Protein backbone atom coordinates (compact mmCIF):
# COMPACT_ATOMS: atom_id res chain seq x y z
CA MET A 1 119.52 82.18 75.37
CA SER A 2 116.07 82.06 73.87
CA ASP A 3 113.05 82.48 76.10
CA GLU A 4 110.90 80.41 73.74
CA LEU A 5 109.33 77.26 75.17
CA ASP A 6 110.03 74.08 73.24
CA ASP A 7 107.87 70.96 73.17
CA GLU A 8 110.16 69.20 75.61
CA ASP A 9 109.61 71.90 78.21
CA ARG A 10 105.84 71.56 77.92
CA LYS A 11 105.67 67.78 77.62
CA GLY A 12 105.29 65.89 80.86
CA GLY A 13 104.81 69.00 82.96
CA PRO A 14 102.65 69.10 86.07
CA ASP A 15 98.91 69.08 85.71
CA LYS A 16 96.71 71.96 86.70
CA PHE A 17 94.97 71.91 90.05
CA ILE A 18 91.89 73.53 88.45
CA ASP A 19 90.61 73.05 84.95
CA HIS A 20 90.16 76.43 83.20
CA ARG A 21 87.04 75.69 81.22
CA ALA A 22 84.54 78.04 79.58
CA ALA A 23 82.90 78.66 82.96
CA PRO A 24 85.17 79.75 85.85
CA THR A 25 85.60 77.30 88.71
CA ARG A 26 83.28 78.06 91.64
CA VAL A 27 85.36 78.44 94.79
CA GLY A 28 84.94 79.10 98.48
CA LEU A 29 87.67 80.77 100.54
CA VAL A 30 88.45 79.68 104.09
CA VAL A 31 90.70 81.90 106.22
CA PRO A 32 91.59 80.11 109.48
CA ASP A 33 92.25 82.34 112.49
CA VAL A 34 94.16 80.11 114.92
CA ARG A 35 94.01 81.21 118.54
CA GLY A 36 97.42 82.17 119.88
CA ARG A 37 99.17 82.17 116.51
CA ALA A 38 101.15 85.34 115.71
CA TYR A 39 100.40 86.23 112.10
CA GLY A 40 102.03 89.66 111.83
CA HIS A 41 99.26 90.93 109.55
CA SER A 42 95.82 91.99 110.68
CA LEU A 43 92.96 89.57 110.09
CA GLU A 44 91.32 92.00 107.64
CA ALA A 45 94.58 92.34 105.69
CA ARG A 46 95.09 88.58 105.58
CA LYS A 47 91.57 88.00 104.31
CA ALA A 48 91.86 90.74 101.69
CA GLU A 49 95.20 89.39 100.47
CA PHE A 50 93.90 85.83 100.18
CA GLU A 51 90.94 87.11 98.19
CA GLY A 52 93.42 88.97 96.00
CA LEU A 53 95.36 85.76 95.43
CA ALA A 54 92.16 84.00 94.39
CA HIS A 55 91.23 86.85 92.02
CA ALA A 56 94.67 86.49 90.40
CA ILE A 57 93.42 83.30 88.76
CA ARG A 58 90.24 82.75 86.77
CA VAL A 59 87.72 81.60 89.39
CA GLU A 60 84.27 82.60 90.55
CA MET A 61 84.39 83.42 94.26
CA VAL A 62 81.17 82.26 95.89
CA PHE A 63 82.08 82.99 99.51
CA SER A 64 85.00 84.06 101.70
CA GLU A 65 84.84 83.28 105.41
CA VAL A 66 87.06 83.61 108.47
CA VAL A 67 87.03 80.47 110.63
CA LYS A 68 87.99 80.70 114.29
CA VAL A 69 90.23 77.76 115.20
CA ARG A 70 90.66 77.21 118.93
CA GLU A 71 92.79 74.13 118.42
CA ILE A 72 94.22 72.72 115.19
CA LYS A 73 92.71 69.33 114.40
CA PRO A 74 95.35 66.85 113.15
CA ALA A 75 92.85 65.27 110.76
CA THR A 76 91.19 68.32 109.17
CA PHE A 77 92.90 71.44 110.64
CA ILE A 78 89.51 73.07 111.32
CA GLY A 79 86.83 71.69 113.65
CA GLY A 80 84.21 69.13 112.69
CA GLY A 81 81.36 71.65 112.90
CA HIS A 82 83.03 73.89 110.34
CA VAL A 83 83.79 70.90 108.11
CA ALA A 84 80.11 69.87 108.15
CA GLU A 85 79.05 73.45 107.40
CA PHE A 86 81.35 73.68 104.39
CA ALA A 87 80.23 70.26 103.15
CA LYS A 88 76.66 71.54 103.17
CA ARG A 89 77.60 74.74 101.32
CA VAL A 90 79.60 72.77 98.76
CA LYS A 91 76.52 70.72 97.92
CA GLU A 92 73.96 73.53 97.99
CA GLU A 93 76.06 76.18 96.21
CA HIS A 94 77.81 73.84 93.77
CA ILE A 95 81.28 74.66 95.06
CA GLU A 96 84.03 72.84 93.15
CA LEU A 97 87.06 74.06 95.08
CA LEU A 98 87.87 75.18 98.63
CA LEU A 99 90.94 77.39 99.07
CA VAL A 100 92.34 77.33 102.61
CA ASP A 101 94.67 80.12 103.74
CA THR A 102 97.21 77.97 105.55
CA GLN A 103 99.66 75.20 104.79
CA LEU A 104 97.83 71.89 105.09
CA HIS A 105 99.41 68.52 105.71
CA PRO A 106 98.58 65.99 102.97
CA ILE A 107 96.33 63.99 105.29
CA GLN A 108 94.39 67.14 106.26
CA GLN A 109 93.94 68.01 102.61
CA ARG A 110 92.71 64.50 101.74
CA ASN A 111 90.32 64.36 104.71
CA LEU A 112 88.84 67.75 103.90
CA GLU A 113 88.25 66.67 100.31
CA LYS A 114 86.61 63.43 101.47
CA GLU A 115 84.37 65.17 104.01
CA THR A 116 83.33 68.15 101.88
CA GLY A 117 83.20 66.59 98.42
CA ALA A 118 85.19 69.48 96.94
CA LYS A 119 88.76 69.73 95.81
CA VAL A 120 90.91 71.46 98.46
CA LEU A 121 94.03 73.54 97.89
CA ASP A 122 96.12 75.30 100.52
CA ARG A 123 97.93 78.63 100.29
CA THR A 124 101.11 77.13 98.85
CA ALA A 125 99.26 75.36 96.04
CA LEU A 126 97.36 78.53 95.15
CA ILE A 127 100.54 80.60 94.89
CA LEU A 128 102.13 77.86 92.79
CA GLU A 129 99.15 78.03 90.44
CA ILE A 130 99.48 81.80 90.07
CA PHE A 131 103.18 81.49 89.35
CA GLY A 132 102.40 78.76 86.83
CA GLU A 133 100.07 81.10 84.94
CA ARG A 134 102.47 84.06 85.07
CA ALA A 135 105.70 82.30 84.07
CA ALA A 136 106.50 83.32 80.49
CA THR A 137 110.16 82.47 79.93
CA ARG A 138 111.61 79.01 79.53
CA GLU A 139 113.49 79.35 82.80
CA GLY A 140 110.45 80.57 84.68
CA VAL A 141 108.32 77.66 83.46
CA LEU A 142 110.98 75.13 84.46
CA GLN A 143 111.43 76.65 87.90
CA VAL A 144 107.70 76.76 88.63
CA GLU A 145 107.27 73.16 87.54
CA LEU A 146 110.16 72.02 89.73
CA ALA A 147 108.70 73.84 92.73
CA HIS A 148 105.30 72.28 92.04
CA LEU A 149 106.63 68.74 91.75
CA ASN A 150 108.64 69.06 94.95
CA TYR A 151 105.46 70.23 96.66
CA GLN A 152 103.57 67.27 95.22
CA LYS A 153 106.04 64.66 96.51
CA SER A 154 104.01 63.98 99.63
CA ARG A 155 100.69 64.23 97.83
CA LEU A 156 100.96 61.30 95.40
CA VAL A 157 97.56 59.80 96.13
CA ARG A 158 94.46 59.23 94.01
CA SER A 159 92.13 61.18 96.24
CA TRP A 160 90.92 63.54 93.51
CA THR A 161 89.79 60.94 90.94
CA HIS A 162 86.16 62.01 91.10
CA LEU A 163 87.13 65.60 90.31
CA GLU A 164 89.82 65.03 87.71
CA ARG A 165 89.45 66.24 84.15
CA GLN A 166 91.76 65.63 81.26
CA ARG A 167 94.05 68.56 80.52
CA GLY A 168 93.46 70.44 77.29
CA SER A 169 96.05 70.74 74.57
CA GLY A 170 96.79 74.42 75.14
CA GLY A 171 98.14 76.43 78.02
CA PHE A 172 100.44 75.61 80.89
CA GLY A 173 99.63 75.58 84.55
CA PHE A 174 98.64 73.39 87.45
CA MET A 175 94.86 73.46 87.77
CA GLY A 176 93.64 70.85 85.28
CA GLY A 177 93.14 67.13 85.26
CA PRO A 178 95.60 64.26 85.44
CA GLY A 179 96.95 64.65 81.93
CA GLU A 180 98.71 61.90 80.04
CA THR A 181 101.54 61.23 82.50
CA GLN A 182 99.47 60.60 85.69
CA ILE A 183 102.25 62.13 87.78
CA GLU A 184 100.27 61.90 91.02
CA SER A 185 100.08 58.09 90.80
CA ASP A 186 103.58 57.36 89.57
CA ARG A 187 106.38 58.33 91.93
CA ARG A 188 109.05 57.05 89.59
CA GLN A 189 107.87 59.24 86.72
CA LEU A 190 107.69 62.22 89.05
CA GLN A 191 111.23 61.69 90.32
CA ASP A 192 112.54 61.21 86.78
CA ARG A 193 110.91 64.49 85.79
CA ILE A 194 112.42 66.29 88.79
CA VAL A 195 115.92 65.05 87.89
CA LEU A 196 115.42 66.17 84.28
CA LEU A 197 114.22 69.63 85.38
CA GLU A 198 117.15 70.05 87.75
CA GLU A 199 119.55 69.23 84.92
CA ARG A 200 117.90 71.75 82.60
CA ILE A 201 117.81 74.47 85.25
CA ASP A 202 121.48 73.80 86.01
CA LYS A 203 122.28 74.41 82.34
CA VAL A 204 120.25 77.63 82.43
CA ARG A 205 122.15 78.80 85.52
CA LYS A 206 125.50 78.07 83.89
CA THR A 207 124.43 80.09 80.88
CA ARG A 208 123.29 82.93 83.14
CA SER A 209 126.61 82.78 84.97
CA GLN A 210 128.48 83.16 81.69
CA GLN A 211 126.23 86.06 80.69
CA LYS A 212 126.80 87.64 84.11
CA GLY A 213 130.55 87.44 83.57
CA LYS A 214 130.16 89.32 80.28
CA ARG A 215 127.83 91.82 81.94
CA ASP A 216 130.45 92.66 84.58
CA GLU A 217 132.57 94.07 81.76
CA VAL A 218 129.80 96.56 80.97
CA PRO A 219 130.12 99.83 82.94
CA PHE A 220 126.57 99.79 84.34
CA GLN A 221 125.60 99.37 87.94
CA ILE A 222 122.43 97.50 88.86
CA VAL A 223 119.47 98.98 90.72
CA ALA A 224 116.87 96.38 91.73
CA LEU A 225 113.24 97.07 92.59
CA VAL A 226 111.81 94.82 95.29
CA GLY A 227 108.62 95.02 97.31
CA TYR A 228 105.45 93.39 98.44
CA THR A 229 103.29 92.31 95.54
CA ASN A 230 100.97 95.09 94.39
CA ALA A 231 103.11 97.79 96.03
CA GLY A 232 103.53 99.48 92.65
CA LYS A 233 107.01 98.33 91.61
CA SER A 234 106.16 97.92 87.94
CA SER A 235 104.41 101.29 87.87
CA ILE A 236 107.52 102.96 89.29
CA PHE A 237 109.65 101.01 86.82
CA ASN A 238 107.50 102.29 83.95
CA THR A 239 107.59 105.88 85.25
CA LEU A 240 111.38 105.83 85.64
CA THR A 241 112.20 104.17 82.31
CA GLY A 242 109.20 104.75 80.07
CA ALA A 243 108.94 100.98 79.64
CA GLY A 244 105.67 99.21 78.98
CA VAL A 245 105.92 96.55 81.69
CA PHE A 246 102.56 95.02 82.63
CA ALA A 247 101.30 96.89 85.69
CA LYS A 248 97.89 96.16 87.13
CA ASP A 249 96.11 96.10 90.48
CA LEU A 250 96.67 92.36 90.66
CA LEU A 251 98.79 90.17 92.93
CA PHE A 252 101.84 88.80 91.13
CA ALA A 253 101.07 90.87 88.03
CA THR A 254 104.69 90.42 86.94
CA LEU A 255 106.85 87.36 87.43
CA ASP A 256 109.85 87.32 85.13
CA THR A 257 112.55 89.91 85.76
CA THR A 258 112.65 92.88 83.35
CA VAL A 259 115.76 95.07 82.94
CA ARG A 260 116.04 98.51 81.35
CA LYS A 261 118.63 101.28 81.15
CA LEU A 262 117.99 104.31 83.39
CA PRO A 263 119.78 107.66 82.93
CA LEU A 264 120.38 109.56 86.18
CA PRO A 265 120.35 113.38 86.60
CA HIS A 266 124.11 113.94 86.33
CA GLY A 267 124.80 111.77 83.32
CA ARG A 268 125.42 108.37 84.89
CA GLU A 269 123.48 105.43 83.47
CA VAL A 270 122.45 102.33 85.40
CA MET A 271 120.49 99.17 84.72
CA ILE A 272 117.25 98.94 86.71
CA SER A 273 115.40 95.64 87.14
CA ASP A 274 111.79 94.92 88.08
CA THR A 275 111.32 91.60 89.88
CA VAL A 276 108.48 89.44 91.17
CA GLY A 277 106.62 90.82 94.16
CA PHE A 278 106.91 89.13 97.53
CA VAL A 279 104.03 88.00 99.71
CA ALA A 280 103.50 86.78 103.26
CA ASP A 281 104.40 83.12 103.77
CA LEU A 282 105.94 82.79 100.33
CA PRO A 283 106.40 79.03 99.87
CA THR A 284 109.95 77.90 100.55
CA GLU A 285 109.78 75.82 97.36
CA LEU A 286 109.46 79.04 95.35
CA VAL A 287 112.09 81.01 97.26
CA ALA A 288 114.59 78.29 96.41
CA ALA A 289 113.39 77.77 92.85
CA PHE A 290 113.45 81.46 91.96
CA ARG A 291 116.81 82.29 93.47
CA ALA A 292 118.33 82.39 89.97
CA THR A 293 115.52 84.60 88.66
CA LEU A 294 116.14 86.98 91.57
CA GLU A 295 119.89 87.13 91.03
CA GLU A 296 119.50 90.74 89.87
CA VAL A 297 118.54 91.47 93.48
CA VAL A 298 121.39 89.41 94.92
CA ASP A 299 123.94 91.19 92.69
CA ALA A 300 122.42 94.68 92.92
CA ASP A 301 124.48 97.77 93.76
CA VAL A 302 121.40 99.50 95.20
CA ILE A 303 118.01 98.07 96.17
CA LEU A 304 114.80 100.09 95.98
CA HIS A 305 112.34 98.66 98.51
CA VAL A 306 108.94 99.85 97.27
CA ARG A 307 106.26 100.17 99.96
CA ASP A 308 102.57 100.88 99.43
CA ILE A 309 102.45 103.55 102.09
CA ALA A 310 98.69 103.99 101.67
CA ASN A 311 98.06 100.39 102.71
CA GLU A 312 97.19 100.07 106.39
CA ASP A 313 99.22 96.86 106.53
CA HIS A 314 102.38 98.38 105.02
CA VAL A 315 104.57 97.78 108.11
CA ALA A 316 103.92 94.02 108.16
CA GLN A 317 104.36 93.90 104.39
CA ALA A 318 107.74 95.63 104.63
CA GLN A 319 108.85 93.18 107.31
CA ASP A 320 107.93 90.27 105.03
CA VAL A 321 110.04 91.76 102.24
CA ILE A 322 113.07 92.18 104.52
CA LYS A 323 112.67 88.55 105.63
CA VAL A 324 112.65 87.26 102.03
CA LEU A 325 115.70 89.40 101.23
CA ALA A 326 117.47 87.88 104.22
CA ASP A 327 116.53 84.40 102.95
CA LEU A 328 118.21 85.36 99.67
CA GLY A 329 121.31 86.47 101.59
CA VAL A 330 120.77 90.19 101.00
CA THR A 331 121.12 92.64 103.93
CA ALA A 332 121.50 96.40 104.32
CA ASP A 333 125.09 95.83 105.49
CA GLN A 334 125.96 94.46 102.05
CA VAL A 335 124.04 96.80 99.76
CA PRO A 336 122.32 100.19 100.26
CA ILE A 337 118.53 99.87 100.54
CA ILE A 338 116.39 102.90 99.71
CA GLU A 339 112.79 102.76 100.89
CA VAL A 340 110.44 104.11 98.22
CA TRP A 341 107.19 105.20 99.86
CA ASN A 342 104.79 104.83 96.95
CA LYS A 343 101.15 105.92 96.44
CA VAL A 344 101.49 109.11 98.52
CA ASP A 345 98.86 110.64 96.24
CA LEU A 346 96.32 108.52 98.15
CA LEU A 347 97.29 110.04 101.50
CA PRO A 348 95.48 113.03 103.02
CA LEU A 349 96.92 116.55 103.22
CA ASP A 350 97.21 118.56 106.44
CA GLU A 351 95.99 122.15 106.75
CA ASP A 352 99.25 123.39 105.24
CA GLY A 353 98.88 121.16 102.20
CA VAL A 354 101.59 118.71 103.30
CA ARG A 355 101.17 114.96 102.89
CA VAL A 356 100.39 113.14 106.13
CA ILE A 357 102.75 110.15 106.03
CA ASP A 358 102.55 107.81 109.01
CA ALA A 359 105.60 105.66 108.35
CA ALA A 360 109.11 104.90 109.49
CA PRO A 361 111.86 102.94 107.74
CA ILE A 362 112.18 99.25 108.55
CA GLY A 363 115.70 98.38 109.60
CA LYS A 364 118.82 100.03 108.26
CA VAL A 365 118.24 102.09 105.11
CA ALA A 366 120.27 104.44 102.96
CA GLY A 367 117.32 106.83 102.74
CA THR A 368 113.59 107.19 102.15
CA VAL A 369 111.82 108.88 99.24
CA ALA A 370 108.07 109.59 99.06
CA VAL A 371 106.75 109.14 95.52
CA SER A 372 103.67 108.58 93.45
CA ALA A 373 104.10 106.49 90.34
CA HIS A 374 100.62 107.67 89.31
CA THR A 375 101.32 111.43 89.41
CA GLY A 376 105.13 111.42 89.07
CA GLU A 377 105.55 113.14 92.43
CA GLY A 378 109.00 112.50 93.93
CA ILE A 379 110.42 110.59 90.93
CA GLU A 380 113.24 113.09 90.35
CA ASP A 381 114.09 112.95 94.07
CA LEU A 382 114.26 109.18 93.74
CA LYS A 383 116.77 109.43 90.90
CA LEU A 384 118.94 111.74 93.00
CA ALA A 385 118.74 109.33 95.92
CA ILE A 386 119.88 106.48 93.66
CA GLU A 387 122.81 108.58 92.49
CA LYS A 388 123.79 109.43 96.06
CA ALA A 389 123.61 105.80 97.19
CA LEU A 390 125.73 104.64 94.28
CA ALA A 391 128.33 107.31 94.95
CA SER A 392 128.52 106.27 98.60
CA ARG A 393 129.68 102.81 97.56
CA SER A 394 132.39 104.04 95.20
CA ARG A 395 135.91 105.24 96.05
CA THR A 396 137.71 108.16 94.45
CA TYR A 397 141.33 107.88 93.27
CA ARG A 398 143.95 110.02 91.54
CA VAL A 399 145.95 107.94 89.09
CA ASN A 400 148.73 108.94 86.67
CA ILE A 401 148.69 107.30 83.24
CA PRO A 402 151.74 107.47 80.90
CA HIS A 403 151.12 108.81 77.41
CA THR A 404 152.09 105.41 75.99
CA ALA A 405 149.44 103.52 78.02
CA GLY A 406 146.44 104.19 75.83
CA ALA A 407 144.81 100.88 76.80
CA ASP A 408 144.79 101.93 80.46
CA VAL A 409 143.04 105.19 79.58
CA GLY A 410 140.47 103.17 77.66
CA TRP A 411 139.97 100.91 80.68
CA LEU A 412 139.28 103.91 82.91
CA TYR A 413 136.69 105.31 80.53
CA GLY A 414 135.05 101.91 80.25
CA HIS A 415 135.02 100.93 83.93
CA ALA A 416 135.21 104.09 86.03
CA GLU A 417 133.69 107.55 86.22
CA ILE A 418 136.09 110.28 85.14
CA ILE A 419 135.65 113.17 87.58
CA ASN A 420 138.55 115.36 86.46
CA ARG A 421 141.54 115.38 84.11
CA GLU A 422 144.57 117.43 85.08
CA GLU A 423 146.84 119.14 82.58
CA PRO A 424 149.20 116.58 81.05
CA ASP A 425 152.94 116.80 81.71
CA GLU A 426 155.90 115.18 79.99
CA GLU A 427 155.35 111.80 81.69
CA GLY A 428 151.63 111.48 81.34
CA GLN A 429 148.26 112.67 82.59
CA THR A 430 146.61 112.43 86.01
CA TYR A 431 142.95 111.43 86.25
CA GLU A 432 140.59 111.72 89.19
CA VAL A 433 138.22 108.76 88.94
CA ARG A 434 135.40 107.17 90.89
CA VAL A 435 135.51 103.35 90.95
CA GLU A 436 132.57 101.11 91.76
CA PRO A 437 133.05 98.21 94.22
CA ARG A 438 132.68 95.52 91.55
CA HIS A 439 135.61 97.02 89.57
CA ALA A 440 137.78 97.88 92.60
CA HIS A 441 139.81 94.65 92.50
CA ALA A 442 140.59 94.94 88.78
CA PHE A 443 141.42 98.65 89.22
CA ASN A 444 143.90 97.97 92.01
CA ASP A 445 145.53 95.12 90.08
CA ARG A 446 146.03 97.40 87.12
CA PHE A 447 146.85 100.77 88.70
CA ALA A 448 148.15 100.10 92.23
CA SER A 449 151.63 101.48 91.47
CA ARG A 450 150.25 104.63 89.82
CA ILE A 451 147.72 105.71 92.49
CA GLN A 452 148.60 109.09 93.96
CA HIS A 453 147.82 109.51 97.66
């Protein structure tokens, strides 16, 4: 299936929230700190991450402030004094957009816009915008648009008329003006577009399912990289495979899944995939929409959970990743998870020259490996750990194949690992083979009567 975008995929898509003009949009960041709410991440980490999300799009950050919220206001979320303060700053500092690090109800969003005179976007809308800019494949674009339109269902009001600008002819995203379809004002058009997108995505998924069926005939196991965004997954992917995947100190630097072949130390080859990074409070609309994109994770034989061990917030980040995996139906009981402790080159050394690593695995893991994608430290140990985890999932058999059953010998070489071949006798030859779980059923159907116990 081609990844090229056709005119139909671009036509009628959602409009951008911000217009990317010659001059970047001037924004102010508001990070609410609600009394009594358990966030999991430290306030400093939350603020830094939200600033990172804002930097992931082309805006000019004018200010970033933490706002203490004793009690959530139904009308505006934050208190009236803070609203008045931001209204003043919007006017004096020519702020066009306020980004609020929480999920706002539509009425709160509209009231904040009315009171401050600036366009207001919450955390979900910001992440949707980033995904809209990063999506490169046809499937990715369709999935982002569907997630965006579902988010917009409750926000079909003309509260932004004074800020709207017509969308340009180029580019695809969510931060521009109303565009030609006026989706926000026409619920029927929006619903028609949603139905059309769902039909197209369903076709994509059927095609992927057919491709997956063909892939299962290929004797390669799948190793999937997952992790908090900016943990260094793509850098590790590049170091392992020599690929040129985009890797930058930027949240959501990669979006679409990339797959490459990876040779392991003892001759086995696997397919390794680099996926989108996770983040705290990932919008449910995107978790659902990108389930198909993340199917490499769902179907993986081994998962590499990459952690930025030099980040002070790495424990909370790891917990967020495990939660998203659980939402996808992936647990350590189903597939081995290796924790990859990345960026150890940034950690201090003790007096004996040993890295000081203050970390412990989160949940059940098949092992931990300390690495540095930057220096290459620990990469060979990681390959060995992958090999060990894969072997732990496979079973070893001794099976006798008659000399006349050449097709069965071919099947073994194509779908199993030949460990040893015994000297042939008059009836045939006995093979010691290692069989992966995904080929176990077919192996037993074919060789059950010939297995030697």
